[in-house]
Amino acid sequence: MAKHFQSDTDTSLNTSLVSYWNLNESSGDRADFFGSITLTNINSVGSVAGKVHNAAVFVVASSQYLIHLDNAALSTGDIDFSFAAWVYLTNKTTDQYFIVKATDVNNYEYIVLYLQSIDRFFFGVTSGGTPVTAAGVAATTFGSPSAGTWYFIVASHDSVNNLLEIQVNNGTINSAAFSAGVFDGPNPFTLGSLSAVRLDEIGFWKKRLSTQERTDLYHSGTGQTMVDTVSQTVAADTDVQITGIIQTITTDIDIIFAAGTANINSDSEVINRATQQIEADTEIFSNRRTKEFFVK
């Protein structure tokens, strides 16, 4: 079944999307709502009310995290890519890791976290997998985040303009020059490792998100999610008679009144000199002499 975002002004959010974890599960592994990268639940990651529906909650004392082993989809290199996530700090007493592709602090590819030493959200990468090749950018313009509050973070690598970027709550983008390219290594991908945080609605794109895409995802601070694309047939009293012909109402089509056959739908327009709104469970009769519609 196809998927789409609830708000997508340019119908572009699905483009170059790799994975989307809505983290709605109450327990167990967390499914990739868009792709195929299911995250394995380590040490019983829990669930609480999130920014949109449920969120995953991590307890550092229990060493909880979600993980997937390295694969080509999760690897980057010197390409455009973006992460978007809603994050909630349970406390600020230590570094809090949201999105990490690493084995440890000395061997990583990319990382999105709260960095306690500077009291800022931070996006870091390495070009060679080790700290000596590291670079990063802090959300300095946004300033100090608070514990107990949901924040929307977008972290991006712009390979065209050689920039690392981080943005909080659809505000000012902080950027730092970086031209070495991001390391593509064998490290696993994790959410919430060694952290006391809540995470919700995490997406990973292999492109730099546009201004409009960021705005749509932030959704004026209320957030949004992906949903299934469905089609639905709506019948009006099962059979609807139009000029003596039996028709079934389906979805979202206009009809021009004519002698031939056509389909009409809930809230569609039927036009014969005048426009008449059609509601579900409405019968429409044509008076052959006056050519007028009567809505029952």
C-alpha atoms as a PDB file:
ATOM      1  CA  MET A   1       0.000   0.000   0.000  1.00  0.00           C
ATOM      2  CA  ALA A   2       1.289   3.449  -0.894  1.00  0.00           C
ATOM      3  CA  LYS A   3       2.236   5.940   1.811  1.00  0.00           C
ATOM      4  CA  HIS A   4       2.083   9.707   1.965  1.00  0.00           C
ATOM      5  CA  PHE A   5       2.636  12.533   4.417  1.00  0.00           C
ATOM      6  CA  GLN A   6      -0.388  14.302   5.830  1.00  0.00           C
ATOM      7  CA  SER A   7       1.021  17.664   4.719  1.00  0.00           C
ATOM      8  CA  ASP A   8       3.236  17.767   1.630  1.00  0.00           C
ATOM      9  CA  THR A   9       2.828  21.037  -0.260  1.00  0.00           C
ATOM     10  CA  ASP A  10       5.147  20.156  -3.143  1.00  0.00           C
ATOM     11  CA  THR A  11       4.352  16.398  -3.098  1.00  0.00           C
ATOM     12  CA  SER A  12       8.096  15.833  -2.706  1.00  0.00           C
ATOM     13  CA  LEU A  13       8.576  14.393   0.784  1.00  0.00           C
ATOM     14  CA  ASN A  14       8.467  10.827  -0.507  1.00  0.00           C
ATOM     15  CA  THR A  15      11.236  11.604  -2.998  1.00  0.00           C
ATOM     16  CA  SER A  16      14.599  10.158  -1.862  1.00  0.00           C
ATOM     17  CA  LEU A  17      13.031   9.049   1.433  1.00  0.00           C
ATOM     18  CA  VAL A  18      14.868   5.973   2.714  1.00  0.00           C
ATOM     19  CA  SER A  19      13.061   5.194   5.967  1.00  0.00           C
ATOM     20  CA  TYR A  20      10.409   6.634   8.259  1.00  0.00           C
ATOM     21  CA  TRP A  21       9.949   5.372  11.802  1.00  0.00           C
ATOM     22  CA  ASN A  22       6.778   6.723  13.412  1.00  0.00           C
ATOM     23  CA  LEU A  23       7.631   4.766  16.613  1.00  0.00           C
ATOM     24  CA  ASN A  24       3.979   4.118  17.432  1.00  0.00           C
ATOM     25  CA  GLU A  25       4.538   0.558  18.676  1.00  0.00           C
ATOM     26  CA  SER A  26       3.837   0.039  22.370  1.00  0.00           C
ATOM     27  CA  SER A  27       6.729  -2.439  22.674  1.00  0.00           C
ATOM     28  CA  GLY A  28       8.999  -4.711  20.654  1.00  0.00           C
ATOM     29  CA  ASP A  29      10.789  -3.918  17.418  1.00  0.00           C
ATOM     30  CA  ARG A  30       9.971  -0.685  15.602  1.00  0.00           C
ATOM     31  CA  ALA A  31       8.868  -1.020  11.998  1.00  0.00           C
ATOM     32  CA  ASP A  32       9.944   1.176   9.124  1.00  0.00           C
ATOM     33  CA  PHE A  33       6.632   2.651   7.976  1.00  0.00           C
ATOM     34  CA  PHE A  34       7.998   3.588   4.550  1.00  0.00           C
ATOM     35  CA  GLY A  35      10.923   1.285   3.812  1.00  0.00           C
ATOM     36  CA  SER A  36      12.161  -2.067   5.046  1.00  0.00           C
ATOM     37  CA  ILE A  37      14.585  -1.209   7.871  1.00  0.00           C
ATOM     38  CA  THR A  38      12.977  -2.570  11.032  1.00  0.00           C
ATOM     39  CA  LEU A  39      14.812  -1.530  14.210  1.00  0.00           C
ATOM     40  CA  THR A  40      15.496  -4.267  16.758  1.00  0.00           C
ATOM     41  CA  ASN A  41      14.437  -3.490  20.334  1.00  0.00           C
ATOM     42  CA  ILE A  42      17.278  -3.959  22.824  1.00  0.00           C
ATOM     43  CA  ASN A  43      16.442  -4.211  26.546  1.00  0.00           C
ATOM     44  CA  SER A  44      12.740  -3.410  26.242  1.00  0.00           C
ATOM     45  CA  VAL A  45      12.507   0.124  24.890  1.00  0.00           C
ATOM     46  CA  GLY A  46       9.179   1.472  26.130  1.00  0.00           C
ATOM     47  CA  SER A  47       6.444   3.698  24.758  1.00  0.00           C
ATOM     48  CA  VAL A  48       4.793   6.911  25.971  1.00  0.00           C
ATOM     49  CA  ALA A  49       2.557   9.578  24.491  1.00  0.00           C
ATOM     50  CA  GLY A  50       4.589  11.309  21.796  1.00  0.00           C
ATOM     51  CA  LYS A  51       4.461  14.414  19.681  1.00  0.00           C
ATOM     52  CA  VAL A  52       2.219  12.549  17.247  1.00  0.00           C
ATOM     53  CA  HIS A  53       0.546   9.445  18.676  1.00  0.00           C
ATOM     54  CA  ASN A  54       3.159   7.344  20.557  1.00  0.00           C
ATOM     55  CA  ALA A  55       6.905   7.816  21.011  1.00  0.00           C
ATOM     56  CA  ALA A  56       9.779   5.527  21.978  1.00  0.00           C
ATOM     57  CA  VAL A  57      11.148   6.218  25.472  1.00  0.00           C
ATOM     58  CA  PHE A  58      14.700   5.237  26.470  1.00  0.00           C
ATOM     59  CA  VAL A  59      16.064   4.683  29.986  1.00  0.00           C
ATOM     60  CA  VAL A  60      19.830   5.007  30.165  1.00  0.00           C
ATOM     61  CA  ALA A  61      20.146   2.846  33.296  1.00  0.00           C
ATOM     62  CA  SER A  62      18.557  -0.023  31.372  1.00  0.00           C
ATOM     63  CA  SER A  63      20.890   0.385  28.367  1.00  0.00           C
ATOM     64  CA  GLN A  64      17.935   0.601  26.015  1.00  0.00           C
ATOM     65  CA  TYR A  65      18.245   1.346  22.316  1.00  0.00           C
ATOM     66  CA  LEU A  66      16.934   0.456  18.862  1.00  0.00           C
ATOM     67  CA  ILE A  67      19.407  -0.917  16.324  1.00  0.00           C
ATOM     68  CA  HIS A  68      19.909  -2.077  12.753  1.00  0.00           C
ATOM     69  CA  LEU A  69      23.136  -3.456  11.348  1.00  0.00           C
ATOM     70  CA  ASP A  70      24.939  -1.547   8.636  1.00  0.00           C
ATOM     71  CA  ASN A  71      23.559  -1.735   5.130  1.00  0.00           C
ATOM     72  CA  ALA A  72      23.771   0.324   1.948  1.00  0.00           C
ATOM     73  CA  ALA A  73      20.520   2.171   2.647  1.00  0.00           C
ATOM     74  CA  LEU A  74      21.768   3.503   5.997  1.00  0.00           C
ATOM     75  CA  SER A  75      25.220   4.413   4.686  1.00  0.00           C
ATOM     76  CA  THR A  76      25.965   7.829   3.262  1.00  0.00           C
ATOM     77  CA  GLY A  77      29.366   8.984   2.002  1.00  0.00           C
ATOM     78  CA  ASP A  78      29.809  12.276   0.151  1.00  0.00           C
ATOM     79  CA  ILE A  79      26.124  12.667  -0.719  1.00  0.00           C
ATOM     80  CA  ASP A  80      23.220  14.860   0.314  1.00  0.00           C
ATOM     81  CA  PHE A  81      21.235  13.454   3.234  1.00  0.00           C
ATOM     82  CA  SER A  82      18.887  14.657   5.978  1.00  0.00           C
ATOM     83  CA  PHE A  83      17.427  13.435   9.240  1.00  0.00           C
ATOM     84  CA  ALA A  84      14.275  14.874  10.777  1.00  0.00           C
ATOM     85  CA  ALA A  85      13.147  13.936  14.288  1.00  0.00           C
ATOM     86  CA  TRP A  86      11.089  15.072  17.241  1.00  0.00           C
ATOM     87  CA  VAL A  87      13.176  14.779  20.418  1.00  0.00           C
ATOM     88  CA  TYR A  88      12.429  15.203  24.117  1.00  0.00           C
ATOM     89  CA  LEU A  89      15.145  15.392  26.766  1.00  0.00           C
ATOM     90  CA  THR A  90      14.251  13.628  29.997  1.00  0.00           C
ATOM     91  CA  ASN A  91      17.243  15.364  31.591  1.00  0.00           C
ATOM     92  CA  LYS A  92      20.341  17.360  30.603  1.00  0.00           C
ATOM     93  CA  THR A  93      22.882  15.893  32.998  1.00  0.00           C
ATOM     94  CA  THR A  94      24.873  14.161  30.257  1.00  0.00           C
ATOM     95  CA  ASP A  95      25.121  13.828  26.488  1.00  0.00           C
ATOM     96  CA  GLN A  96      21.914  12.462  24.966  1.00  0.00           C
ATOM     97  CA  TYR A  97      22.203  10.516  21.706  1.00  0.00           C
ATOM     98  CA  PHE A  98      19.300  10.557  19.260  1.00  0.00           C
ATOM     99  CA  ILE A  99      20.586   9.170  15.941  1.00  0.00           C
ATOM    100  CA  VAL A 100      23.983   7.492  15.691  1.00  0.00           C
ATOM    101  CA  LYS A 101      25.858   5.339  13.201  1.00  0.00           C
ATOM    102  CA  ALA A 102      28.811   4.191  15.269  1.00  0.00           C
ATOM    103  CA  THR A 103      30.376   1.462  17.347  1.00  0.00           C
ATOM    104  CA  ASP A 104      31.721   3.915  19.950  1.00  0.00           C
ATOM    105  CA  VAL A 105      32.898   7.519  20.294  1.00  0.00           C
ATOM    106  CA  ASN A 106      36.112   6.650  18.462  1.00  0.00           C
ATOM    107  CA  ASN A 107      34.469   5.008  15.466  1.00  0.00           C
ATOM    108  CA  TYR A 108      31.469   6.749  13.973  1.00  0.00           C
ATOM    109  CA  GLU A 109      30.019   8.068  10.744  1.00  0.00           C
ATOM    110  CA  TYR A 110      27.242  10.496  11.725  1.00  0.00           C
ATOM    111  CA  ILE A 111      25.596  11.510  14.971  1.00  0.00           C
ATOM    112  CA  VAL A 112      22.691  13.750  16.090  1.00  0.00           C
ATOM    113  CA  LEU A 113      22.659  14.471  19.820  1.00  0.00           C
ATOM    114  CA  TYR A 114      22.352  16.892  22.711  1.00  0.00           C
ATOM    115  CA  LEU A 115      25.908  17.862  23.660  1.00  0.00           C
ATOM    116  CA  GLN A 116      25.961  18.634  27.363  1.00  0.00           C
ATOM    117  CA  SER A 117      29.338  20.426  27.366  1.00  0.00           C
ATOM    118  CA  ILE A 118      27.964  23.256  25.205  1.00  0.00           C
ATOM    119  CA  ASP A 119      24.266  22.827  26.125  1.00  0.00           C
ATOM    120  CA  ARG A 120      23.179  22.664  22.470  1.00  0.00           C
ATOM    121  CA  PHE A 121      21.797  20.248  19.936  1.00  0.00           C
ATOM    122  CA  PHE A 122      24.621  19.066  17.673  1.00  0.00           C
ATOM    123  CA  PHE A 123      25.152  17.287  14.353  1.00  0.00           C
ATOM    124  CA  GLY A 124      28.520  15.632  13.814  1.00  0.00           C
ATOM    125  CA  VAL A 125      30.176  13.524  11.121  1.00  0.00           C
ATOM    126  CA  THR A 126      33.594  12.090  10.367  1.00  0.00           C
ATOM    127  CA  SER A 127      35.367  11.744   7.053  1.00  0.00           C
ATOM    128  CA  GLY A 128      37.487   8.810   8.221  1.00  0.00           C
ATOM    129  CA  GLY A 129      35.489   7.229  11.038  1.00  0.00           C
ATOM    130  CA  THR A 130      37.671   8.599  13.859  1.00  0.00           C
ATOM    131  CA  PRO A 131      37.543  11.753  16.025  1.00  0.00           C
ATOM    132  CA  VAL A 132      40.598  13.247  14.324  1.00  0.00           C
ATOM    133  CA  THR A 133      38.530  13.447  11.097  1.00  0.00           C
ATOM    134  CA  ALA A 134      35.426  14.790  12.837  1.00  0.00           C
ATOM    135  CA  ALA A 135      33.473  17.940  12.055  1.00  0.00           C
ATOM    136  CA  GLY A 136      30.151  19.255  13.281  1.00  0.00           C
ATOM    137  CA  VAL A 137      27.722  22.086  13.771  1.00  0.00           C
ATOM    138  CA  ALA A 138      25.788  23.214  16.858  1.00  0.00           C
ATOM    139  CA  ALA A 139      22.342  24.814  16.974  1.00  0.00           C
ATOM    140  CA  THR A 140      23.792  27.996  18.468  1.00  0.00           C
ATOM    141  CA  THR A 141      21.107  30.348  17.179  1.00  0.00           C
ATOM    142  CA  PHE A 142      18.321  28.370  18.824  1.00  0.00           C
ATOM    143  CA  GLY A 143      20.224  28.284  22.106  1.00  0.00           C
ATOM    144  CA  SER A 144      19.779  26.117  25.173  1.00  0.00           C
ATOM    145  CA  PRO A 145      16.972  23.534  25.005  1.00  0.00           C
ATOM    146  CA  SER A 146      14.888  22.616  28.040  1.00  0.00           C
ATOM    147  CA  ALA A 147      14.224  19.202  29.512  1.00  0.00           C
ATOM    148  CA  GLY A 148      10.630  18.045  29.296  1.00  0.00           C
ATOM    149  CA  THR A 149       9.904  19.764  25.956  1.00  0.00           C
ATOM    150  CA  TRP A 150       9.484  18.426  22.425  1.00  0.00           C
ATOM    151  CA  TYR A 151      11.821  19.855  19.763  1.00  0.00           C
ATOM    152  CA  PHE A 152      11.905  19.313  16.013  1.00  0.00           C
ATOM    153  CA  ILE A 153      15.430  18.835  14.645  1.00  0.00           C
ATOM    154  CA  VAL A 154      16.606  18.646  11.035  1.00  0.00           C
ATOM    155  CA  ALA A 155      20.253  17.684  10.443  1.00  0.00           C
ATOM    156  CA  SER A 156      21.621  17.730   6.895  1.00  0.00           C
ATOM    157  CA  HIS A 157      24.766  17.225   4.851  1.00  0.00           C
ATOM    158  CA  ASP A 158      24.843  19.418   1.738  1.00  0.00           C
ATOM    159  CA  SER A 159      27.400  17.813  -0.565  1.00  0.00           C
ATOM    160  CA  VAL A 160      26.917  20.423  -3.297  1.00  0.00           C
ATOM    161  CA  ASN A 161      27.721  23.422  -1.115  1.00  0.00           C
ATOM    162  CA  ASN A 162      29.954  21.419   1.290  1.00  0.00           C
ATOM    163  CA  LEU A 163      27.987  22.225   4.438  1.00  0.00           C
ATOM    164  CA  LEU A 164      26.801  20.547   7.607  1.00  0.00           C
ATOM    165  CA  GLU A 165      23.498  21.993   8.858  1.00  0.00           C
ATOM    166  CA  ILE A 166      21.285  21.800  11.916  1.00  0.00           C
ATOM    167  CA  GLN A 167      17.930  23.472  12.474  1.00  0.00           C
ATOM    168  CA  VAL A 168      15.562  23.466  15.463  1.00  0.00           C
ATOM    169  CA  ASN A 169      11.807  24.123  15.321  1.00  0.00           C
ATOM    170  CA  ASN A 170      11.980  25.327  11.714  1.00  0.00           C
ATOM    171  CA  GLY A 171      14.062  28.312  12.796  1.00  0.00           C
ATOM    172  CA  THR A 172      17.432  29.596  11.625  1.00  0.00           C
ATOM    173  CA  ILE A 173      19.730  26.999  10.048  1.00  0.00           C
ATOM    174  CA  ASN A 174      23.201  26.901  11.553  1.00  0.00           C
ATOM    175  CA  SER A 175      25.842  25.638   9.120  1.00  0.00           C
ATOM    176  CA  ALA A 176      29.533  24.776   9.082  1.00  0.00           C
ATOM    177  CA  ALA A 177      31.847  24.225   6.136  1.00  0.00           C
ATOM    178  CA  PHE A 178      32.738  20.598   5.477  1.00  0.00           C
ATOM    179  CA  SER A 179      34.139  19.320   2.193  1.00  0.00           C
ATOM    180  CA  ALA A 180      35.795  16.018   3.126  1.00  0.00           C
ATOM    181  CA  GLY A 181      32.729  13.824   2.669  1.00  0.00           C
ATOM    182  CA  VAL A 182      31.091  11.596   5.287  1.00  0.00           C
ATOM    183  CA  PHE A 183      32.699   8.271   6.144  1.00  0.00           C
ATOM    184  CA  ASP A 184      30.915   5.176   4.818  1.00  0.00           C
ATOM    185  CA  GLY A 185      31.788   2.413   7.253  1.00  0.00           C
ATOM    186  CA  PRO A 186      30.409  -0.831   8.721  1.00  0.00           C
ATOM    187  CA  ASN A 187      28.961   0.675  11.910  1.00  0.00           C
ATOM    188  CA  PRO A 188      25.446  -0.165  13.117  1.00  0.00           C
ATOM    189  CA  PHE A 189      22.635   2.395  13.144  1.00  0.00           C
ATOM    190  CA  THR A 190      21.028   3.131  16.522  1.00  0.00           C
ATOM    191  CA  LEU A 191      18.369   5.334  18.093  1.00  0.00           C
ATOM    192  CA  GLY A 192      18.496   6.402  21.754  1.00  0.00           C
ATOM    193  CA  SER A 193      21.702   4.631  22.763  1.00  0.00           C
ATOM    194  CA  LEU A 194      23.027   5.536  26.263  1.00  0.00           C
ATOM    195  CA  SER A 195      20.359   8.199  26.633  1.00  0.00           C
ATOM    196  CA  ALA A 196      17.373   9.357  28.660  1.00  0.00           C
ATOM    197  CA  VAL A 197      15.210  10.660  25.841  1.00  0.00           C
ATOM    198  CA  ARG A 198      11.959  10.267  23.964  1.00  0.00           C
ATOM    199  CA  LEU A 199      12.017  10.079  20.169  1.00  0.00           C
ATOM    200  CA  ASP A 200       9.188  10.370  17.668  1.00  0.00           C
ATOM    201  CA  GLU A 201       8.574  10.607  13.907  1.00  0.00           C
ATOM    202  CA  ILE A 202      12.092  10.054  12.586  1.00  0.00           C
ATOM    203  CA  GLY A 203      12.743  10.274   8.858  1.00  0.00           C
ATOM    204  CA  PHE A 204      15.904   9.700   6.799  1.00  0.00           C
ATOM    205  CA  TRP A 205      16.259  11.117   3.288  1.00  0.00           C
ATOM    206  CA  LYS A 206      19.141  10.931   0.832  1.00  0.00           C
ATOM    207  CA  LYS A 207      18.684  14.563  -0.133  1.00  0.00           C
ATOM    208  CA  ARG A 208      18.811  17.966   1.541  1.00  0.00           C
ATOM    209  CA  LEU A 209      15.296  18.846   2.665  1.00  0.00           C
ATOM    210  CA  SER A 210      13.922  22.016   1.106  1.00  0.00           C
ATOM    211  CA  THR A 211      12.545  24.974   3.057  1.00  0.00           C
ATOM    212  CA  GLN A 212       8.977  23.943   2.226  1.00  0.00           C
ATOM    213  CA  GLU A 213       9.579  20.307   3.185  1.00  0.00           C
ATOM    214  CA  ARG A 214      10.945  21.365   6.575  1.00  0.00           C
ATOM    215  CA  THR A 215       7.971  23.648   7.102  1.00  0.00           C
ATOM    216  CA  ASP A 216       5.541  20.868   6.213  1.00  0.00           C
ATOM    217  CA  LEU A 217       7.205  18.410   8.601  1.00  0.00           C
ATOM    218  CA  TYR A 218       7.239  20.933  11.459  1.00  0.00           C
ATOM    219  CA  HIS A 219       3.585  21.726  10.720  1.00  0.00           C
ATOM    220  CA  SER A 220       3.448  24.894  12.829  1.00  0.00           C
ATOM    221  CA  GLY A 221       4.814  22.982  15.808  1.00  0.00           C
ATOM    222  CA  THR A 222       2.171  20.256  15.902  1.00  0.00           C
ATOM    223  CA  GLY A 223       4.138  17.745  13.847  1.00  0.00           C
ATOM    224  CA  GLN A 224       2.759  15.273  11.348  1.00  0.00           C
ATOM    225  CA  THR A 225       3.199  11.673  10.289  1.00  0.00           C
ATOM    226  CA  MET A 226       2.988   9.323   7.315  1.00  0.00           C
ATOM    227  CA  VAL A 227      -0.291   7.570   6.584  1.00  0.00           C
ATOM    228  CA  ASP A 228      -1.504   4.919   4.175  1.00  0.00           C
ATOM    229  CA  THR A 229      -2.899   6.128   0.875  1.00  0.00           C
ATOM    230  CA  VAL A 230      -6.323   4.587   0.495  1.00  0.00           C
ATOM    231  CA  SER A 231      -9.130   4.736  -2.020  1.00  0.00           C
ATOM    232  CA  GLN A 232     -12.710   4.341  -0.952  1.00  0.00           C
ATOM    233  CA  THR A 233     -15.968   3.858  -2.822  1.00  0.00           C
ATOM    234  CA  VAL A 234     -18.956   5.627  -1.287  1.00  0.00           C
ATOM    235  CA  ALA A 235     -22.435   4.457  -2.291  1.00  0.00           C
ATOM    236  CA  ALA A 236     -25.553   6.622  -2.043  1.00  0.00           C
ATOM    237  CA  ASP A 237     -28.510   4.395  -1.170  1.00  0.00           C
ATOM    238  CA  THR A 238     -26.753   1.630  -3.164  1.00  0.00           C
ATOM    239  CA  ASP A 239     -28.501   2.554  -6.410  1.00  0.00           C
ATOM    240  CA  VAL A 240     -29.002   6.139  -7.572  1.00  0.00           C
ATOM    241  CA  GLN A 241     -31.255   6.864 -10.503  1.00  0.00           C
ATOM    242  CA  ILE A 242     -30.235   9.584 -12.935  1.00  0.00           C
ATOM    243  CA  THR A 243     -32.417  10.085 -16.042  1.00  0.00           C
ATOM    244  CA  GLY A 244     -33.600   6.555 -15.797  1.00  0.00           C
ATOM    245  CA  ILE A 245     -30.124   5.019 -15.656  1.00  0.00           C
ATOM    246  CA  ILE A 246     -28.853   3.212 -12.580  1.00  0.00           C
ATOM    247  CA  GLN A 247     -25.483   4.595 -11.451  1.00  0.00           C
ATOM    248  CA  THR A 248     -23.161   3.928  -8.496  1.00  0.00           C
ATOM    249  CA  ILE A 249     -21.570   6.834  -6.669  1.00  0.00           C
ATOM    250  CA  THR A 250     -17.784   6.453  -6.327  1.00  0.00           C
ATOM    251  CA  THR A 251     -15.189   9.098  -5.450  1.00  0.00           C
ATOM    252  CA  ASP A 252     -14.374  12.671  -6.390  1.00  0.00           C
ATOM    253  CA  ILE A 253     -15.515  12.922 -10.024  1.00  0.00           C
ATOM    254  CA  ASP A 254     -17.590  15.685 -11.626  1.00  0.00           C
ATOM    255  CA  ILE A 255     -20.433  14.790 -13.935  1.00  0.00           C
ATOM    256  CA  ILE A 256     -21.875  16.860 -16.771  1.00  0.00           C
ATOM    257  CA  PHE A 257     -25.556  16.025 -17.162  1.00  0.00           C
ATOM    258  CA  ALA A 258     -26.022  14.162 -20.404  1.00  0.00           C
ATOM    259  CA  ALA A 259     -27.977  11.334 -21.909  1.00  0.00           C
ATOM    260  CA  GLY A 260     -25.024   8.986 -21.600  1.00  0.00           C
ATOM    261  CA  THR A 261     -23.793   7.161 -18.564  1.00  0.00           C
ATOM    262  CA  ALA A 262     -21.392   8.596 -15.981  1.00  0.00           C
ATOM    263  CA  ASN A 263     -20.289   8.155 -12.404  1.00  0.00           C
ATOM    264  CA  ILE A 264     -20.903  10.658  -9.629  1.00  0.00           C
ATOM    265  CA  ASN A 265     -19.573  10.780  -6.100  1.00  0.00           C
ATOM    266  CA  SER A 266     -19.937  12.116  -2.605  1.00  0.00           C
ATOM    267  CA  ASP A 267     -19.577  15.911  -2.686  1.00  0.00           C
ATOM    268  CA  SER A 268     -19.310  15.929  -6.482  1.00  0.00           C
ATOM    269  CA  GLU A 269     -20.915  18.484  -8.742  1.00  0.00           C
ATOM    270  CA  VAL A 270     -23.697  17.589 -11.162  1.00  0.00           C
ATOM    271  CA  ILE A 271     -24.078  20.284 -13.781  1.00  0.00           C
ATOM    272  CA  ASN A 272     -27.156  20.954 -15.878  1.00  0.00           C
ATOM    273  CA  ARG A 273     -27.376  24.719 -16.248  1.00  0.00           C
ATOM    274  CA  ALA A 274     -26.876  24.981 -12.485  1.00  0.00           C
ATOM    275  CA  THR A 275     -24.501  23.330 -10.049  1.00  0.00           C
ATOM    276  CA  GLN A 276     -25.821  21.086  -7.286  1.00  0.00           C
ATOM    277  CA  GLN A 277     -23.688  19.616  -4.461  1.00  0.00           C
ATOM    278  CA  ILE A 278     -24.196  15.881  -3.977  1.00  0.00           C
ATOM    279  CA  GLU A 279     -23.935  14.402  -0.477  1.00  0.00           C
ATOM    280  CA  ALA A 280     -23.671  10.743   0.468  1.00  0.00           C
ATOM    281  CA  ASP A 281     -27.059   9.017   0.765  1.00  0.00           C
ATOM    282  CA  THR A 282     -28.668  11.554  -1.580  1.00  0.00           C
ATOM    283  CA  GLU A 283     -31.095  10.605  -4.301  1.00  0.00           C
ATOM    284  CA  ILE A 284     -31.198  12.651  -7.489  1.00  0.00           C
ATOM    285  CA  PHE A 285     -34.134  12.658  -9.855  1.00  0.00           C
ATOM    286  CA  SER A 286     -34.312  14.389 -13.202  1.00  0.00           C
ATOM    287  CA  ASN A 287     -37.562  15.985 -14.334  1.00  0.00           C
ATOM    288  CA  ARG A 288     -37.460  15.420 -18.083  1.00  0.00           C
ATOM    289  CA  ARG A 289     -39.772  18.335 -18.798  1.00  0.00           C
ATOM    290  CA  THR A 290     -38.193  21.024 -16.679  1.00  0.00           C
ATOM    291  CA  LYS A 291     -34.627  19.692 -16.584  1.00  0.00           C
ATOM    292  CA  GLU A 292     -34.440  20.600 -12.882  1.00  0.00           C
ATOM    293  CA  PHE A 293     -32.866  18.603 -10.099  1.00  0.00           C
ATOM    294  CA  PHE A 294     -34.608  17.723  -6.894  1.00  0.00           C
ATOM    295  CA  VAL A 295     -32.476  16.757  -3.919  1.00  0.00           C
ATOM    296  CA  LYS A 296     -34.086  14.409  -1.438  1.00  0.00           C
END
